[in-house]
């Protein structure tokens, strides 16, 4: 029989974070998402292509 290990949930249950000062350390990741997931910005409308 397998021995089950109880693990602590890493997610915090409660109010969402709504203070921008509490969102730190991931600015480069957010910029990547914004640059690559925004369909309007990803379109290239140049005549040279």
Protein backbone atom coordinates (compact mmCIF):
# COMPACT_ATOMS: atom_id res chain seq x y z
CA UNK A 1 0.00 0.00 0.00
CA UNK A 2 1.35 3.46 -0.97
CA UNK A 3 2.17 5.99 1.72
CA UNK A 4 0.35 9.29 1.07
CA UNK A 5 2.16 12.53 1.90
CA UNK A 6 0.05 15.55 2.79
CA UNK A 7 1.29 18.67 0.99
CA UNK A 8 0.46 22.25 1.83
CA UNK A 9 -1.52 24.14 -0.83
CA UNK A 10 0.75 26.93 -2.23
CA UNK A 11 -2.22 29.08 -3.27
CA UNK A 12 -3.71 31.66 -0.96
CA UNK A 13 -7.47 31.58 -0.66
CA UNK A 14 -9.03 34.94 -0.02
CA UNK A 15 -9.33 38.39 -1.53
CA UNK A 16 -7.73 38.98 -4.92
CA UNK A 17 -4.64 41.18 -4.99
CA UNK A 18 -5.80 44.61 -6.13
CA UNK A 19 -2.86 46.73 -4.99
CA UNK A 20 -0.30 47.07 -7.83
CA UNK A 21 2.49 47.42 -5.25
CA UNK A 22 1.90 43.79 -4.24
CA UNK A 23 2.50 42.52 -7.79
CA UNK A 24 6.27 42.57 -8.10
CA UNK A 25 8.99 40.48 -9.70
CA UNK A 26 7.06 39.45 -12.81
CA UNK A 27 7.05 42.63 -14.91
CA UNK A 28 9.11 40.97 -17.68
CA UNK A 29 6.61 38.10 -17.83
CA UNK A 30 3.63 40.46 -17.99
CA UNK A 31 5.31 42.42 -20.78
CA UNK A 32 5.91 39.18 -22.69
CA UNK A 33 2.22 38.28 -22.38
CA UNK A 34 1.14 41.73 -23.47
CA UNK A 35 3.49 41.74 -26.48
CA UNK A 36 2.70 38.22 -27.65
CA UNK A 37 -0.97 37.71 -26.81
CA UNK A 38 -2.38 40.99 -28.06
CA UNK A 39 -3.55 40.22 -31.63
CA UNK A 40 -3.56 43.87 -32.72
CA UNK A 41 0.08 44.43 -31.74
CA UNK A 42 1.23 41.17 -33.34
CA UNK A 43 -0.03 42.11 -36.80
CA UNK A 44 2.57 43.55 -39.15
CA UNK A 45 1.03 46.02 -41.57
CA UNK A 46 4.27 47.02 -43.32
CA UNK A 47 4.31 47.16 -47.14
CA UNK A 48 7.94 45.95 -47.16
CA UNK A 49 7.07 42.34 -46.18
